[in-house]
Every structure is written in structure tokens, then in C-alpha cells.
C-alpha atoms as a PDB file:
ATOM      1  CA  MET A   1      83.793 111.270 118.754  1.00  0.00           C
ATOM      2  CA  ARG A   2      80.980 113.458 119.907  1.00  0.00           C
ATOM      3  CA  ASP A   3      77.823 111.804 121.248  1.00  0.00           C
ATOM      4  CA  GLY A   4      79.068 108.512 119.806  1.00  0.00           C
ATOM      5  CA  ARG A   5      79.502 109.940 116.297  1.00  0.00           C
ATOM      6  CA  ALA A   6      82.595 110.905 114.360  1.00  0.00           C
ATOM      7  CA  TYR A   7      82.963 114.578 113.505  1.00  0.00           C
ATOM      8  CA  ALA A   8      85.384 116.693 111.546  1.00  0.00           C
ATOM      9  CA  PRO A   9      87.737 118.828 113.620  1.00  0.00           C
ATOM     10  CA  THR A  10      87.252 122.526 112.964  1.00  0.00           C
ATOM     11  CA  THR A  11      89.834 123.840 115.430  1.00  0.00           C
ATOM     12  CA  LEU A  12      93.446 122.927 116.120  1.00  0.00           C
ATOM     13  CA  GLU A  13      92.387 121.843 119.610  1.00  0.00           C
ATOM     14  CA  ASP A  14      90.073 119.227 118.071  1.00  0.00           C
ATOM     15  CA  PHE A  15      92.716 117.931 115.644  1.00  0.00           C
ATOM     16  CA  HIS A  16      94.379 114.731 116.893  1.00  0.00           C
ATOM     17  CA  LEU A  17      96.470 112.195 115.031  1.00  0.00           C
ATOM     18  CA  ALA A  18      96.153 108.497 115.778  1.00  0.00           C
ATOM     19  CA  LYS A  19      98.985 107.318 118.036  1.00  0.00           C
ATOM     20  CA  ASP A  20     100.227 104.697 115.618  1.00  0.00           C
ATOM     21  CA  ALA A  21      99.816 106.753 112.431  1.00  0.00           C
ATOM     22  CA  ALA A  22     103.471 107.763 112.072  1.00  0.00           C
ATOM     23  CA  PRO A  23     105.002 104.296 112.467  1.00  0.00           C
ATOM     24  CA  GLN A  24     102.385 102.728 110.205  1.00  0.00           C
ATOM     25  CA  VAL A  25     102.958 105.307 107.467  1.00  0.00           C
ATOM     26  CA  ALA A  26     106.711 104.869 107.882  1.00  0.00           C
ATOM     27  CA  ARG A  27     106.272 101.112 107.441  1.00  0.00           C
ATOM     28  CA  LEU A  28     104.337 101.656 104.199  1.00  0.00           C
ATOM     29  CA  ARG A  29     106.916 104.112 102.881  1.00  0.00           C
ATOM     30  CA  GLU A  30     109.743 101.684 103.706  1.00  0.00           C
ATOM     31  CA  ALA A  31     107.868  99.080 101.639  1.00  0.00           C
ATOM     32  CA  GLY A  32     107.952 101.489  98.681  1.00  0.00           C
ATOM     33  CA  PHE A  33     104.447 102.938  98.849  1.00  0.00           C
ATOM     34  CA  LYS A  34     103.552 106.599  98.382  1.00  0.00           C
ATOM     35  CA  CYS A  35     101.291 107.719 101.224  1.00  0.00           C
ATOM     36  CA  LEU A  36      98.609 110.134 100.098  1.00  0.00           C
ATOM     37  CA  VAL A  37      95.672 111.569 102.006  1.00  0.00           C
ATOM     38  CA  PHE A  38      92.413 112.328 100.201  1.00  0.00           C
ATOM     39  CA  THR A  39      89.880 114.200 102.309  1.00  0.00           C
ATOM     40  CA  ASN A  40      86.568 115.915 101.831  1.00  0.00           C
ATOM     41  CA  GLN A  41      86.136 119.078 103.886  1.00  0.00           C
ATOM     42  CA  PRO A  42      82.603 120.443 103.423  1.00  0.00           C
ATOM     43  CA  GLU A  43      83.165 122.488 106.588  1.00  0.00           C
ATOM     44  CA  LEU A  44      85.238 124.852 104.413  1.00  0.00           C
ATOM     45  CA  ALA A  45      82.274 125.513 102.108  1.00  0.00           C
ATOM     46  CA  ARG A  46      79.985 125.935 105.114  1.00  0.00           C
ATOM     47  CA  GLY A  47      82.306 128.453 106.786  1.00  0.00           C
ATOM     48  CA  MET A  48      82.817 126.213 109.818  1.00  0.00           C
ATOM     49  CA  LEU A  49      86.541 125.695 109.143  1.00  0.00           C
ATOM     50  CA  ALA A  50      89.016 128.424 108.278  1.00  0.00           C
ATOM     51  CA  PRO A  51      91.333 127.646 105.342  1.00  0.00           C
ATOM     52  CA  ASP A  52      94.413 128.595 107.373  1.00  0.00           C
ATOM     53  CA  THR A  53      93.362 126.204 110.162  1.00  0.00           C
ATOM     54  CA  LEU A  54      93.014 123.354 107.685  1.00  0.00           C
ATOM     55  CA  GLU A  55      96.406 124.187 106.179  1.00  0.00           C
ATOM     56  CA  THR A  56      97.961 124.093 109.655  1.00  0.00           C
ATOM     57  CA  MET A  57      96.352 120.696 110.296  1.00  0.00           C
ATOM     58  CA  HIS A  58      97.789 119.391 107.045  1.00  0.00           C
ATOM     59  CA  ARG A  59     101.216 120.858 107.804  1.00  0.00           C
ATOM     60  CA  LEU A  60     101.185 119.043 111.156  1.00  0.00           C
ATOM     61  CA  LEU A  61     100.120 115.844 109.412  1.00  0.00           C
ATOM     62  CA  ARG A  62     102.992 116.126 106.922  1.00  0.00           C
ATOM     63  CA  GLU A  63     105.503 116.875 109.695  1.00  0.00           C
ATOM     64  CA  GLN A  64     104.377 114.296 112.239  1.00  0.00           C
ATOM     65  CA  VAL A  65     103.273 111.453 109.996  1.00  0.00           C
ATOM     66  CA  ALA A  66     105.371 112.132 106.867  1.00  0.00           C
ATOM     67  CA  VAL A  67     102.645 111.597 104.300  1.00  0.00           C
ATOM     68  CA  ASP A  68     103.697 112.434 100.752  1.00  0.00           C
ATOM     69  CA  ASP A  69     100.808 114.755  99.965  1.00  0.00           C
ATOM     70  CA  VAL A  70      97.280 115.799 100.941  1.00  0.00           C
ATOM     71  CA  TYR A  71      94.457 116.383  98.455  1.00  0.00           C
ATOM     72  CA  VAL A  72      91.302 118.200  99.565  1.00  0.00           C
ATOM     73  CA  CYS A  73      87.797 118.519  98.174  1.00  0.00           C
ATOM     74  CA  PRO A  74      86.534 121.737  99.809  1.00  0.00           C
ATOM     75  CA  HIS A  75      82.950 121.467  98.532  1.00  0.00           C
ATOM     76  CA  ASP A  76      79.633 120.854 100.233  1.00  0.00           C
ATOM     77  CA  PRO A  77      77.722 117.773  98.992  1.00  0.00           C
ATOM     78  CA  GLY A  78      75.142 120.154  97.503  1.00  0.00           C
ATOM     79  CA  ASP A  79      77.821 121.429  95.115  1.00  0.00           C
ATOM     80  CA  GLY A  80      77.531 118.197  93.137  1.00  0.00           C
ATOM     81  CA  CYS A  81      81.182 117.353  93.543  1.00  0.00           C
END
């Protein structure tokens, strides 16, 4: 949160996973669910987030939370996506 509002992390220092994310995802996987992440990242289109930084964030997410896959929309809302 920044000034009481949520914001997208654009650096690895700003990227934090929720404390209970890993056990909750593990619980879902044990119940037979696939755990997928769908995320919009307009910061990529705006040049505020480097593609390699986002890939590192997603690698950390896969390693630490064990999601099955991550799907990204890298467009700005003005792109009509």
C-alpha cells in the first residue's frame, strides 16, 4: 500500500508475497485444484516495469508458492485488451 492505495510492484524490493500464500496454495493443490495466476501488468506497456524483473517475480512466485502457471496481459488499458 502506498498512501492507502494498492500499487503494482515495479522492483524486486517492492515485491512481497502474502505470508500465508504458500500453505493456502498447497491446501488447494492437495484438494486437486490447479493453481493459476492471471495478472494484468500495464506497467510493462508503460515502461515502468522491466520484463526481466517481472519474470524474476514470477519465478519467485512459482518457487515459493508452487503455483502451476502464471498468465500475463502486458497491455495498457488504452490498448483495448
